[in-house]
């Protein structure tokens, strides 16, 4: 997290520069020197307020996650609470929002996932994001099926979001949001068709997102 006193105008400037440099050379090559030049600030500002590249990466991902949360919440506000299926699809659409699937952000996400396994601060951000997604999905799914089944289906939807997103991020053509949402909606429809059946016990699963 940046130290108190960091000029507010500098944060988005540095976040944007960080993503642009990661897009160009990857996180390994994204030195403080390159980021500072891209942002038009001194390297000393980054080191002073963020403690170096890893601190700036954390702030960058916090910014991306705020945008993700905002996009989901904006869509949810447009869907009535009495329409849980519509709200589930709103959550899915928020995860494939335009500002989440552009090249700079997708490469930043990939760098984040890779380094979250080794950086405690990034790992905590990942777990909070994963639990938030599962919580939102489960809340809506419980309106449509028993709680145990809802938790299981939420894991499936989250896994599909991550899997489709990752495959798209590694595809030269990028992520296709409409196709992604359609595939997940198809899965959801199948689960809803079976919602009235007896629910067996499902093993506890830990999804990536």
Protein backbone atom coordinates (compact mmCIF):
# COMPACT_ATOMS: atom_id res chain seq x y z
CA UNK A 1 0.00 0.00 0.00
CA UNK A 2 1.30 3.51 -0.73
CA UNK A 3 2.39 5.64 2.17
CA UNK A 4 0.16 8.44 3.38
CA UNK A 5 1.00 11.61 1.50
CA UNK A 6 1.27 10.06 -1.94
CA UNK A 7 -0.24 12.66 -4.31
CA UNK A 8 -3.58 11.26 -5.49
CA UNK A 9 -2.83 12.18 -9.10
CA UNK A 10 0.32 10.05 -9.03
CA UNK A 11 -1.42 6.78 -8.10
CA UNK A 12 -3.39 6.26 -11.35
CA UNK A 13 -0.44 7.62 -13.30
CA UNK A 14 1.89 5.01 -11.80
CA UNK A 15 -0.67 2.22 -12.02
CA UNK A 16 -1.19 2.92 -15.72
CA UNK A 17 2.56 3.03 -16.30
CA UNK A 18 3.04 -0.27 -14.47
CA UNK A 19 0.45 -2.02 -16.63
CA UNK A 20 1.89 -0.49 -19.80
CA UNK A 21 5.41 -1.71 -18.97
CA UNK A 22 4.15 -5.19 -18.02
CA UNK A 23 2.32 -5.25 -21.35
CA UNK A 24 5.57 -4.38 -23.13
CA UNK A 25 8.18 -6.48 -21.30
CA UNK A 26 6.43 -8.63 -18.68
CA UNK A 27 6.70 -8.32 -14.92
CA UNK A 28 10.24 -9.72 -14.77
CA UNK A 29 11.47 -6.97 -17.09
CA UNK A 30 9.31 -4.25 -15.55
CA UNK A 31 12.00 -2.46 -13.58
CA UNK A 32 11.40 0.56 -11.38
CA UNK A 33 13.49 2.54 -13.83
CA UNK A 34 11.27 1.63 -16.82
CA UNK A 35 8.06 2.27 -14.89
CA UNK A 36 9.28 5.63 -13.61
CA UNK A 37 10.27 6.71 -17.13
CA UNK A 38 6.89 5.63 -18.50
CA UNK A 39 5.11 7.57 -15.74
CA UNK A 40 7.36 10.58 -16.03
CA UNK A 41 8.37 10.50 -12.36
CA UNK A 42 11.57 9.75 -10.50
CA UNK A 43 12.38 6.21 -9.40
CA UNK A 44 12.76 7.62 -5.91
CA UNK A 45 9.01 8.33 -5.72
CA UNK A 46 8.21 4.67 -6.40
CA UNK A 47 10.74 3.43 -3.88
CA UNK A 48 9.65 5.94 -1.24
CA UNK A 49 5.89 5.47 -1.46
CA UNK A 50 5.65 1.84 -2.59
CA UNK A 51 8.88 0.24 -1.41
CA UNK A 52 9.81 -0.80 -4.93
CA UNK A 53 8.25 -2.81 -7.75
CA UNK A 54 6.38 -5.37 -5.63
CA UNK A 55 4.61 -2.69 -3.65
CA UNK A 56 3.63 -0.96 -6.86
CA UNK A 57 2.37 -4.27 -8.25
CA UNK A 58 0.16 -4.65 -5.18
CA UNK A 59 -1.27 -1.16 -5.66
CA UNK A 60 -1.80 -1.86 -9.36
CA UNK A 61 -3.79 -5.02 -8.60
CA UNK A 62 -5.83 -3.23 -5.96
CA UNK A 63 -6.78 -0.75 -8.66
CA UNK A 64 -7.71 -3.53 -11.10
CA UNK A 65 -9.76 -5.28 -8.42
CA UNK A 66 -11.57 -2.06 -7.56
CA UNK A 67 -12.50 -1.69 -11.24
CA UNK A 68 -13.68 -5.30 -11.31
CA UNK A 69 -15.83 -4.86 -8.20
CA UNK A 70 -17.25 -1.59 -9.52
CA UNK A 71 -18.17 -3.19 -12.85
CA UNK A 72 -19.96 -6.07 -11.13
CA UNK A 73 -21.81 -3.78 -8.74
CA UNK A 74 -22.96 -1.48 -11.55
CA UNK A 75 -24.46 -4.44 -13.37
CA UNK A 76 -26.10 -5.83 -10.23
CA UNK A 77 -27.81 -2.51 -9.58
CA UNK A 78 -29.58 -2.89 -12.92
CA UNK A 79 -31.03 -6.32 -12.07
CA UNK A 80 -33.90 -6.82 -9.64
CA UNK A 81 -33.16 -8.91 -6.55
CA UNK A 82 -36.06 -11.17 -7.51
CA UNK A 83 -34.09 -12.29 -10.60
CA UNK A 84 -31.22 -14.44 -9.25
CA UNK A 85 -30.35 -15.90 -12.64
CA UNK A 86 -30.06 -12.40 -14.10
CA UNK A 87 -27.88 -11.36 -11.19
CA UNK A 88 -25.59 -14.37 -11.65
CA UNK A 89 -25.14 -13.45 -15.30
CA UNK A 90 -24.47 -9.84 -14.26
CA UNK A 91 -21.64 -11.10 -12.04
CA UNK A 92 -20.25 -13.17 -14.91
CA UNK A 93 -20.49 -10.26 -17.34
CA UNK A 94 -18.67 -8.03 -14.86
CA UNK A 95 -15.73 -10.44 -14.88
CA UNK A 96 -15.51 -10.10 -18.66
CA UNK A 97 -16.02 -6.34 -18.72
CA UNK A 98 -14.19 -4.44 -21.45
CA UNK A 99 -11.69 -2.87 -19.06
CA UNK A 100 -10.86 -6.35 -17.67
CA UNK A 101 -10.08 -7.97 -21.00
CA UNK A 102 -7.82 -5.43 -22.70
CA UNK A 103 -4.21 -6.46 -23.28
CA UNK A 104 -2.62 -4.42 -20.49
CA UNK A 105 -5.01 -5.67 -17.84
CA UNK A 106 -4.95 -9.32 -18.93
CA UNK A 107 -1.15 -9.40 -18.83
CA UNK A 108 -1.22 -7.74 -15.43
CA UNK A 109 -3.67 -10.41 -14.21
CA UNK A 110 -1.40 -13.17 -15.51
CA UNK A 111 1.60 -11.65 -13.74
CA UNK A 112 -0.47 -11.26 -10.58
CA UNK A 113 -1.61 -14.90 -10.57
CA UNK A 114 1.93 -16.17 -11.13
CA UNK A 115 3.44 -14.07 -8.34
CA UNK A 116 0.56 -14.46 -5.87
CA UNK A 117 1.88 -17.94 -5.07
CA UNK A 118 5.10 -16.45 -3.73
CA UNK A 119 4.13 -12.99 -2.47
CA UNK A 120 1.99 -13.00 0.73
CA UNK A 121 0.45 -9.59 0.04
CA UNK A 122 -0.61 -10.61 -3.47
CA UNK A 123 -1.83 -13.97 -2.21
CA UNK A 124 -4.11 -12.23 0.28
CA UNK A 125 -5.57 -10.10 -2.51
CA UNK A 126 -6.17 -13.23 -4.58
CA UNK A 127 -7.96 -15.01 -1.72
CA UNK A 128 -10.17 -12.00 -0.99
CA UNK A 129 -11.11 -11.75 -4.66
CA UNK A 130 -11.79 -15.50 -4.90
CA UNK A 131 -13.97 -15.53 -1.80
CA UNK A 132 -15.89 -12.44 -2.91
CA UNK A 133 -16.76 -14.09 -6.22
CA UNK A 134 -17.88 -17.33 -4.56
CA UNK A 135 -19.89 -15.42 -1.96
CA UNK A 136 -21.75 -13.38 -4.60
CA UNK A 137 -22.49 -16.45 -6.72
CA UNK A 138 -23.57 -18.64 -3.81
CA UNK A 139 -25.89 -15.96 -2.45
CA UNK A 140 -27.82 -15.83 -5.72
CA UNK A 141 -27.70 -19.57 -6.39
CA UNK A 142 -29.24 -20.32 -2.98
CA UNK A 143 -32.36 -18.63 -4.28
CA UNK A 144 -32.57 -21.32 -6.96
CA UNK A 145 -31.35 -24.53 -5.31
CA UNK A 146 -30.37 -26.07 -1.96
CA UNK A 147 -27.41 -24.46 -0.19
CA UNK A 148 -25.04 -27.41 -0.64
CA UNK A 149 -25.78 -27.59 -4.34
CA UNK A 150 -25.48 -23.81 -4.63
CA UNK A 151 -21.97 -23.88 -3.16
CA UNK A 152 -20.98 -26.64 -5.57
CA UNK A 153 -22.37 -24.86 -8.65
CA UNK A 154 -20.72 -21.59 -7.54
CA UNK A 155 -17.37 -23.40 -7.61
CA UNK A 156 -18.14 -24.60 -11.13
CA UNK A 157 -19.06 -21.14 -12.39
CA UNK A 158 -15.96 -19.62 -10.78
CA UNK A 159 -13.78 -22.31 -12.37
CA UNK A 160 -15.33 -21.62 -15.76
CA UNK A 161 -14.74 -17.89 -15.38
CA UNK A 162 -11.09 -18.49 -14.56
CA UNK A 163 -10.58 -21.18 -17.20
CA UNK A 164 -12.22 -19.30 -20.06
CA UNK A 165 -10.51 -16.09 -18.98
CA UNK A 166 -7.06 -17.77 -18.86
CA UNK A 167 -7.46 -19.51 -22.21
CA UNK A 168 -8.60 -16.25 -23.77
CA UNK A 169 -5.75 -14.29 -22.20
CA UNK A 170 -3.25 -16.69 -23.80
CA UNK A 171 -5.03 -16.62 -27.16
CA UNK A 172 -3.55 -14.20 -29.75
CA UNK A 173 -7.11 -13.11 -30.54
CA UNK A 174 -7.77 -12.28 -26.89
CA UNK A 175 -10.85 -12.93 -24.77
CA UNK A 176 -14.30 -13.09 -26.39
CA UNK A 177 -16.66 -11.80 -23.65
CA UNK A 178 -19.94 -12.72 -25.38
CA UNK A 179 -18.82 -16.29 -26.05
CA UNK A 180 -17.56 -16.59 -22.48
CA UNK A 181 -20.85 -15.45 -20.98
CA UNK A 182 -22.83 -17.69 -23.35
CA UNK A 183 -20.81 -20.77 -22.34
CA UNK A 184 -21.30 -20.08 -18.64
CA UNK A 185 -25.00 -19.37 -19.14
CA UNK A 186 -25.33 -22.75 -20.86
CA UNK A 187 -23.69 -24.43 -17.85
CA UNK A 188 -25.99 -22.53 -15.49
CA UNK A 189 -29.07 -23.60 -17.45
CA UNK A 190 -28.04 -27.25 -17.16
CA UNK A 191 -27.57 -26.86 -13.40
CA UNK A 192 -30.96 -25.20 -13.03
CA UNK A 193 -32.59 -28.06 -14.90
CA UNK A 194 -31.25 -30.44 -12.28
CA UNK A 195 -31.96 -28.17 -9.33
CA UNK A 196 -35.08 -30.08 -8.32
CA UNK A 197 -33.26 -33.41 -8.17
CA UNK A 198 -31.95 -34.83 -4.90
CA UNK A 199 -28.54 -33.29 -4.12
CA UNK A 200 -25.78 -35.79 -3.29
CA UNK A 201 -22.90 -34.84 -1.07
CA UNK A 202 -20.25 -32.98 -3.01
CA UNK A 203 -16.60 -32.87 -1.96
CA UNK A 204 -15.24 -29.60 -0.68
CA UNK A 205 -13.35 -27.92 -3.50
CA UNK A 206 -10.98 -24.98 -3.57
CA UNK A 207 -11.20 -22.96 -6.77
CA UNK A 208 -8.55 -20.56 -7.99
CA UNK A 209 -10.96 -17.68 -8.21
